[in-house]
C-alpha atoms as a PDB file:
ATOM      1  CA  UNK A   1     -64.579 123.698-179.371  1.00  0.00           C
ATOM      2  CA  UNK A   2     -65.087 127.445-179.096  1.00  0.00           C
ATOM      3  CA  UNK A   3     -64.071 129.077-175.851  1.00  0.00           C
ATOM      4  CA  UNK A   4     -66.994 130.319-173.754  1.00  0.00           C
ATOM      5  CA  UNK A   5     -66.318 133.750-172.325  1.00  0.00           C
ATOM      6  CA  UNK A   6     -69.029 133.778-169.722  1.00  0.00           C
ATOM      7  CA  UNK A   7     -69.384 132.059-166.460  1.00  0.00           C
ATOM      8  CA  UNK A   8     -70.710 135.330-165.082  1.00  0.00           C
ATOM      9  CA  UNK A   9     -74.175 135.207-163.591  1.00  0.00           C
ATOM     10  CA  UNK A  10     -76.890 137.155-165.437  1.00  0.00           C
ATOM     11  CA  UNK A  11     -78.380 137.993-162.051  1.00  0.00           C
ATOM     12  CA  UNK A  12     -75.120 139.714-161.138  1.00  0.00           C
ATOM     13  CA  UNK A  13     -75.061 141.647-164.415  1.00  0.00           C
ATOM     14  CA  UNK A  14     -78.639 142.717-163.792  1.00  0.00           C
ATOM     15  CA  UNK A  15     -77.514 144.296-160.525  1.00  0.00           C
ATOM     16  CA  UNK A  16     -74.596 146.044-162.178  1.00  0.00           C
ATOM     17  CA  UNK A  17     -74.977 149.177-164.191  1.00  0.00           C
ATOM     18  CA  UNK A  18     -74.576 149.734-167.885  1.00  0.00           C
ATOM     19  CA  UNK A  19     -74.058 152.419-170.501  1.00  0.00           C
ATOM     20  CA  UNK A  20     -74.548 155.599-168.552  1.00  0.00           C
ATOM     21  CA  UNK A  21     -73.814 153.601-165.415  1.00  0.00           C
ATOM     22  CA  UNK A  22     -77.273 154.120-164.005  1.00  0.00           C
ATOM     23  CA  UNK A  23     -79.837 151.402-163.354  1.00  0.00           C
ATOM     24  CA  UNK A  24     -82.016 150.715-166.377  1.00  0.00           C
ATOM     25  CA  UNK A  25     -85.323 148.921-166.739  1.00  0.00           C
ATOM     26  CA  UNK A  26     -84.088 145.866-168.617  1.00  0.00           C
ATOM     27  CA  UNK A  27     -87.495 144.244-168.963  1.00  0.00           C
ATOM     28  CA  UNK A  28     -88.174 145.849-172.344  1.00  0.00           C
ATOM     29  CA  UNK A  29     -84.639 145.692-173.760  1.00  0.00           C
ATOM     30  CA  UNK A  30     -83.901 143.539-176.730  1.00  0.00           C
ATOM     31  CA  UNK A  31     -80.501 142.931-178.263  1.00  0.00           C
ATOM     32  CA  UNK A  32     -80.851 142.940-182.036  1.00  0.00           C
ATOM     33  CA  UNK A  33     -78.649 141.851-184.921  1.00  0.00           C
ATOM     34  CA  UNK A  34     -78.100 145.553-185.610  1.00  0.00           C
ATOM     35  CA  UNK A  35     -76.691 145.988-182.085  1.00  0.00           C
ATOM     36  CA  UNK A  36     -74.305 143.071-182.607  1.00  0.00           C
ATOM     37  CA  UNK A  37     -73.259 144.417-186.016  1.00  0.00           C
ATOM     38  CA  UNK A  38     -72.558 147.849-184.520  1.00  0.00           C
ATOM     39  CA  UNK A  39     -70.439 146.443-181.706  1.00  0.00           C
ATOM     40  CA  UNK A  40     -68.585 144.116-184.053  1.00  0.00           C
ATOM     41  CA  UNK A  41     -67.724 146.989-186.398  1.00  0.00           C
ATOM     42  CA  UNK A  42     -66.539 149.069-183.430  1.00  0.00           C
ATOM     43  CA  UNK A  43     -64.272 146.297-182.161  1.00  0.00           C
ATOM     44  CA  UNK A  44     -62.901 145.718-185.668  1.00  0.00           C
ATOM     45  CA  UNK A  45     -62.198 149.450-185.923  1.00  0.00           C
ATOM     46  CA  UNK A  46     -64.446 149.968-188.930  1.00  0.00           C
ATOM     47  CA  UNK A  47     -65.597 153.572-188.392  1.00  0.00           C
ATOM     48  CA  UNK A  48     -67.284 153.752-191.793  1.00  0.00           C
ATOM     49  CA  UNK A  49     -69.694 151.060-190.596  1.00  0.00           C
ATOM     50  CA  UNK A  50     -69.807 151.767-186.866  1.00  0.00           C
ATOM     51  CA  UNK A  51     -70.371 155.544-186.824  1.00  0.00           C
ATOM     52  CA  UNK A  52     -73.579 155.546-188.908  1.00  0.00           C
ATOM     53  CA  UNK A  53     -74.971 152.506-187.046  1.00  0.00           C
ATOM     54  CA  UNK A  54     -74.110 153.977-183.661  1.00  0.00           C
ATOM     55  CA  UNK A  55     -75.627 157.332-184.566  1.00  0.00           C
ATOM     56  CA  UNK A  56     -78.795 155.707-185.925  1.00  0.00           C
ATOM     57  CA  UNK A  57     -79.228 153.616-182.778  1.00  0.00           C
ATOM     58  CA  UNK A  58     -78.823 156.627-180.520  1.00  0.00           C
ATOM     59  CA  UNK A  59     -81.117 158.873-182.559  1.00  0.00           C
ATOM     60  CA  UNK A  60     -83.830 156.240-182.909  1.00  0.00           C
ATOM     61  CA  UNK A  61     -84.098 155.555-179.200  1.00  0.00           C
ATOM     62  CA  UNK A  62     -83.158 151.882-179.747  1.00  0.00           C
ATOM     63  CA  UNK A  63     -79.841 152.084-177.915  1.00  0.00           C
ATOM     64  CA  UNK A  64     -80.772 150.412-174.613  1.00  0.00           C
ATOM     65  CA  UNK A  65     -80.281 146.870-175.892  1.00  0.00           C
ATOM     66  CA  UNK A  66     -77.059 148.090-177.491  1.00  0.00           C
ATOM     67  CA  UNK A  67     -75.876 149.556-174.182  1.00  0.00           C
ATOM     68  CA  UNK A  68     -76.610 146.262-172.468  1.00  0.00           C
ATOM     69  CA  UNK A  69     -74.662 144.362-175.141  1.00  0.00           C
ATOM     70  CA  UNK A  70     -71.690 146.725-174.749  1.00  0.00           C
ATOM     71  CA  UNK A  71     -71.768 146.326-170.970  1.00  0.00           C
ATOM     72  CA  UNK A  72     -71.986 142.520-171.257  1.00  0.00           C
ATOM     73  CA  UNK A  73     -69.003 142.423-173.664  1.00  0.00           C
ATOM     74  CA  UNK A  74     -67.095 144.764-171.348  1.00  0.00           C
ATOM     75  CA  UNK A  75     -67.796 142.532-168.325  1.00  0.00           C
ATOM     76  CA  UNK A  76     -66.725 139.407-170.206  1.00  0.00           C
ATOM     77  CA  UNK A  77     -63.483 140.972-171.431  1.00  0.00           C
ATOM     78  CA  UNK A  78     -62.595 142.491-168.066  1.00  0.00           C
ATOM     79  CA  UNK A  79     -63.191 139.157-166.378  1.00  0.00           C
ATOM     80  CA  UNK A  80     -61.202 137.377-169.085  1.00  0.00           C
ATOM     81  CA  UNK A  81     -58.269 139.741-168.536  1.00  0.00           C
ATOM     82  CA  UNK A  82     -58.265 139.730-164.737  1.00  0.00           C
ATOM     83  CA  UNK A  83     -59.902 136.491-163.552  1.00  0.00           C
ATOM     84  CA  UNK A  84     -59.673 134.288-161.614  1.00  0.00           C
ATOM     85  CA  UNK A  85     -57.733 136.622-159.337  1.00  0.00           C
ATOM     86  CA  UNK A  86     -57.397 140.331-159.652  1.00  0.00           C
ATOM     87  CA  UNK A  87     -56.132 143.234-157.606  1.00  0.00           C
ATOM     88  CA  UNK A  88     -56.774 146.934-157.581  1.00  0.00           C
ATOM     89  CA  UNK A  89     -53.112 147.472-158.461  1.00  0.00           C
ATOM     90  CA  UNK A  90     -53.485 145.367-161.622  1.00  0.00           C
ATOM     91  CA  UNK A  91     -56.565 147.347-162.675  1.00  0.00           C
ATOM     92  CA  UNK A  92     -54.824 150.671-162.020  1.00  0.00           C
ATOM     93  CA  UNK A  93     -51.724 149.591-163.955  1.00  0.00           C
ATOM     94  CA  UNK A  94     -53.828 148.385-166.885  1.00  0.00           C
ATOM     95  CA  UNK A  95     -55.788 151.641-167.108  1.00  0.00           C
ATOM     96  CA  UNK A  96     -52.552 153.628-166.780  1.00  0.00           C
ATOM     97  CA  UNK A  97     -51.007 151.605-169.611  1.00  0.00           C
ATOM     98  CA  UNK A  98     -53.974 152.195-171.885  1.00  0.00           C
ATOM     99  CA  UNK A  99     -53.949 155.917-171.090  1.00  0.00           C
ATOM    100  CA  UNK A 100     -50.177 156.078-171.703  1.00  0.00           C
ATOM    101  CA  UNK A 101     -50.689 154.576-175.140  1.00  0.00           C
ATOM    102  CA  UNK A 102     -52.696 157.696-176.005  1.00  0.00           C
ATOM    103  CA  UNK A 103     -49.707 159.957-175.313  1.00  0.00           C
ATOM    104  CA  UNK A 104     -50.782 163.582-175.153  1.00  0.00           C
ATOM    105  CA  UNK A 105     -54.412 162.499-175.465  1.00  0.00           C
ATOM    106  CA  UNK A 106     -54.342 160.364-172.289  1.00  0.00           C
ATOM    107  CA  UNK A 107     -56.888 162.722-170.755  1.00  0.00           C
ATOM    108  CA  UNK A 108     -59.511 161.303-173.116  1.00  0.00           C
ATOM    109  CA  UNK A 109     -60.005 158.535-170.540  1.00  0.00           C
ATOM    110  CA  UNK A 110     -60.821 159.511-166.972  1.00  0.00           C
ATOM    111  CA  UNK A 111     -58.656 157.069-165.009  1.00  0.00           C
ATOM    112  CA  UNK A 112     -60.896 156.938-161.936  1.00  0.00           C
ATOM    113  CA  UNK A 113     -63.984 156.318-164.059  1.00  0.00           C
ATOM    114  CA  UNK A 114     -62.285 153.584-166.101  1.00  0.00           C
ATOM    115  CA  UNK A 115     -60.931 151.910-162.963  1.00  0.00           C
ATOM    116  CA  UNK A 116     -64.345 152.080-161.275  1.00  0.00           C
ATOM    117  CA  UNK A 117     -66.098 150.586-164.298  1.00  0.00           C
ATOM    118  CA  UNK A 118     -63.599 147.747-164.439  1.00  0.00           C
ATOM    119  CA  UNK A 119     -63.914 147.096-160.701  1.00  0.00           C
ATOM    120  CA  UNK A 120     -67.683 147.000-161.042  1.00  0.00           C
ATOM    121  CA  UNK A 121     -67.379 144.540-163.923  1.00  0.00           C
ATOM    122  CA  UNK A 122     -65.272 142.370-161.611  1.00  0.00           C
ATOM    123  CA  UNK A 123     -68.012 142.483-158.988  1.00  0.00           C
ATOM    124  CA  UNK A 124     -66.343 145.008-156.663  1.00  0.00           C
ATOM    125  CA  UNK A 125     -68.829 147.742-155.990  1.00  0.00           C
ATOM    126  CA  UNK A 126     -67.039 149.095-152.915  1.00  0.00           C
ATOM    127  CA  UNK A 127     -65.847 152.657-153.387  1.00  0.00           C
ATOM    128  CA  UNK A 128     -66.751 152.762-157.093  1.00  0.00           C
ATOM    129  CA  UNK A 129     -69.908 154.843-156.713  1.00  0.00           C
ATOM    130  CA  UNK A 130     -68.280 158.152-155.803  1.00  0.00           C
ATOM    131  CA  UNK A 131     -66.139 158.380-158.944  1.00  0.00           C
ATOM    132  CA  UNK A 132     -69.034 157.281-161.130  1.00  0.00           C
ATOM    133  CA  UNK A 133     -71.533 159.600-159.438  1.00  0.00           C
ATOM    134  CA  UNK A 134     -69.270 162.610-160.049  1.00  0.00           C
ATOM    135  CA  UNK A 135     -68.591 161.748-163.673  1.00  0.00           C
ATOM    136  CA  UNK A 136     -70.951 162.705-166.461  1.00  0.00           C
ATOM    137  CA  UNK A 137     -72.685 160.135-168.623  1.00  0.00           C
ATOM    138  CA  UNK A 138     -70.462 161.020-171.581  1.00  0.00           C
ATOM    139  CA  UNK A 139     -67.296 160.489-169.538  1.00  0.00           C
ATOM    140  CA  UNK A 140     -68.536 157.100-168.326  1.00  0.00           C
ATOM    141  CA  UNK A 141     -69.608 155.944-171.781  1.00  0.00           C
ATOM    142  CA  UNK A 142     -66.356 157.174-173.330  1.00  0.00           C
ATOM    143  CA  UNK A 143     -64.216 155.412-170.696  1.00  0.00           C
ATOM    144  CA  UNK A 144     -66.191 152.204-171.122  1.00  0.00           C
ATOM    145  CA  UNK A 145     -65.908 152.220-174.919  1.00  0.00           C
ATOM    146  CA  UNK A 146     -62.205 153.087-174.926  1.00  0.00           C
ATOM    147  CA  UNK A 147     -61.385 150.413-172.345  1.00  0.00           C
ATOM    148  CA  UNK A 148     -63.540 147.904-174.243  1.00  0.00           C
ATOM    149  CA  UNK A 149     -61.521 148.604-177.387  1.00  0.00           C
ATOM    150  CA  UNK A 150     -58.243 148.200-175.489  1.00  0.00           C
ATOM    151  CA  UNK A 151     -59.350 144.925-173.911  1.00  0.00           C
ATOM    152  CA  UNK A 152     -60.491 143.546-177.276  1.00  0.00           C
ATOM    153  CA  UNK A 153     -57.271 144.667-178.928  1.00  0.00           C
ATOM    154  CA  UNK A 154     -55.179 143.017-176.212  1.00  0.00           C
ATOM    155  CA  UNK A 155     -57.172 139.810-176.640  1.00  0.00           C
ATOM    156  CA  UNK A 156     -56.083 139.742-180.309  1.00  0.00           C
ATOM    157  CA  UNK A 157     -59.207 137.923-181.457  1.00  0.00           C
ATOM    158  CA  UNK A 158     -59.508 136.189-184.767  1.00  0.00           C
ATOM    159  CA  UNK A 159     -62.943 136.307-186.450  1.00  0.00           C
ATOM    160  CA  UNK A 160     -64.112 133.109-184.774  1.00  0.00           C
ATOM    161  CA  UNK A 161     -63.105 134.250-181.276  1.00  0.00           C
ATOM    162  CA  UNK A 162     -64.731 137.640-181.823  1.00  0.00           C
ATOM    163  CA  UNK A 163     -67.941 135.905-182.923  1.00  0.00           C
ATOM    164  CA  UNK A 164     -67.776 133.747-179.770  1.00  0.00           C
ATOM    165  CA  UNK A 165     -67.363 136.838-177.602  1.00  0.00           C
ATOM    166  CA  UNK A 166     -70.264 138.651-179.284  1.00  0.00           C
ATOM    167  CA  UNK A 167     -72.504 135.581-179.045  1.00  0.00           C
ATOM    168  CA  UNK A 168     -71.658 135.159-175.367  1.00  0.00           C
ATOM    169  CA  UNK A 169     -72.245 138.852-174.709  1.00  0.00           C
ATOM    170  CA  UNK A 170     -75.597 138.660-176.484  1.00  0.00           C
ATOM    171  CA  UNK A 171     -76.604 135.575-174.499  1.00  0.00           C
ATOM    172  CA  UNK A 172     -75.606 137.241-171.258  1.00  0.00           C
ATOM    173  CA  UNK A 173     -77.453 140.447-172.168  1.00  0.00           C
ATOM    174  CA  UNK A 174     -80.592 138.527-173.172  1.00  0.00           C
ATOM    175  CA  UNK A 175     -80.539 136.535-169.912  1.00  0.00           C
ATOM    176  CA  UNK A 176     -80.696 139.852-168.059  1.00  0.00           C
ATOM    177  CA  UNK A 177     -84.035 140.791-169.589  1.00  0.00           C
END
């Protein structure tokens, strides 16, 4: 039986923030097969597929469902990595390890933003707002995408497990509408 990644309440996700880390009107969002394909190609590190899809979604104005899917996958992976118990120290060490793996390019990920996003995904909204309020939308989106890639890489998914994650993320995202 396939592992289910989510036991996370859609009501809780609805209260959390996504993409640009600002509240969105989720009533009109729809997660499409194109959104799932784009996220799958990103997680499989297929830039020849992901870059054109990502660009098309952003330029067409159809990215909101995609942002919700990304946030849902991020929440599921963060919770998979750190649940049932987590600590701020573990989150800080994980972000530091990911940044260290980038060597001289560690600055590509704002540590405070990445830590705040992960804490929010874990349901801890205390003291996360200040770092996220100061950061630009691009910094938040970049940190979220880079940490999502690291979490997926560390999970070492086979095709079936990746499909399970994407299906669970889609279900969670659709329940938030």
